[in-house]
Protein backbone atom coordinates (compact mmCIF):
# COMPACT_ATOMS: atom_id res chain seq x y z
CA MET A 1 123.36 136.97 92.44
CA GLN A 2 124.06 138.00 88.87
CA ASN A 3 121.25 138.00 86.33
CA TYR A 4 122.19 135.77 83.41
CA PHE A 5 118.84 135.62 81.63
CA THR A 6 116.48 138.26 80.25
CA LEU A 7 112.84 138.35 79.25
CA GLU A 8 113.93 139.17 75.72
CA GLU A 9 115.93 135.95 75.63
CA MET A 10 112.82 134.00 76.68
CA GLU A 11 110.97 135.45 73.67
CA GLN A 12 113.62 134.65 71.07
CA SER A 13 112.57 132.28 68.31
CA GLN A 14 114.29 131.67 65.00
CA ILE A 15 111.03 130.41 63.50
CA ALA A 16 109.21 133.57 64.62
CA LYS A 17 111.93 135.68 62.99
CA VAL A 18 111.70 133.77 59.71
CA LYS A 19 107.89 133.96 59.67
CA GLY A 20 107.72 137.57 60.87
CA ILE A 21 105.77 136.68 64.02
CA GLU A 22 106.05 138.92 67.07
CA ASN A 23 106.62 136.43 69.88
CA LYS A 24 106.05 138.65 72.93
CA ILE A 25 105.26 137.44 76.44
CA PRO A 26 101.85 138.81 77.45
CA THR A 27 101.82 141.27 80.33
CA SER A 28 99.70 138.82 82.33
CA LEU A 29 102.57 136.28 82.25
CA LEU A 30 105.53 138.59 82.90
CA VAL A 31 105.59 137.90 86.65
CA ASN A 32 105.69 134.14 85.95
CA PHE A 33 108.64 134.50 83.60
CA GLU A 34 110.47 136.85 85.96
CA THR A 35 110.00 134.24 88.69
CA LEU A 36 111.29 131.49 86.40
CA ILE A 37 114.37 133.56 85.61
CA ASN A 38 115.07 134.69 89.19
CA GLU A 39 114.11 131.57 91.12
CA VAL A 40 115.12 128.78 88.72
CA LEU A 41 117.33 129.70 85.76
CA ASN A 42 119.71 132.21 87.35
CA PRO A 43 120.36 130.00 90.42
CA ILE A 44 121.05 126.98 88.18
CA ARG A 45 123.48 129.04 86.07
CA PHE A 46 125.14 130.41 89.18
CA GLN A 47 125.49 126.96 90.75
CA TYR A 48 127.00 125.25 87.69
CA GLU A 49 129.22 128.18 86.68
CA GLN A 50 128.68 127.37 83.00
CA PRO A 51 126.58 129.02 80.32
CA ILE A 52 123.12 127.64 79.71
CA THR A 53 121.53 128.15 76.31
CA VAL A 54 117.78 128.62 76.12
CA ASN A 55 116.56 127.44 72.71
CA SER A 56 112.88 127.95 73.30
CA CYS A 57 111.02 129.26 76.31
CA TYR A 58 107.90 131.16 75.24
CA ARG A 59 105.84 130.49 72.13
CA CYS A 60 102.84 132.69 71.38
CA LYS A 61 99.63 131.13 70.02
CA GLU A 62 100.40 132.20 66.43
CA LEU A 63 103.84 130.63 66.58
CA ASN A 64 102.46 127.37 67.95
CA GLU A 65 100.01 127.15 65.09
């Protein structure tokens, strides 16, 4: 199955860019996000054969504040 999503995409945030916040997934959560991508998001994208846009997936503590 093709990989449609990346960890970098999960970290993207327009607000973080504007505010200069580094919105990086902690190492301790990488396996969870890889599982989300491989077991949920990629299969959904594959099944529906249409692009799926992720607007927000991970928000670091600083960004949430």
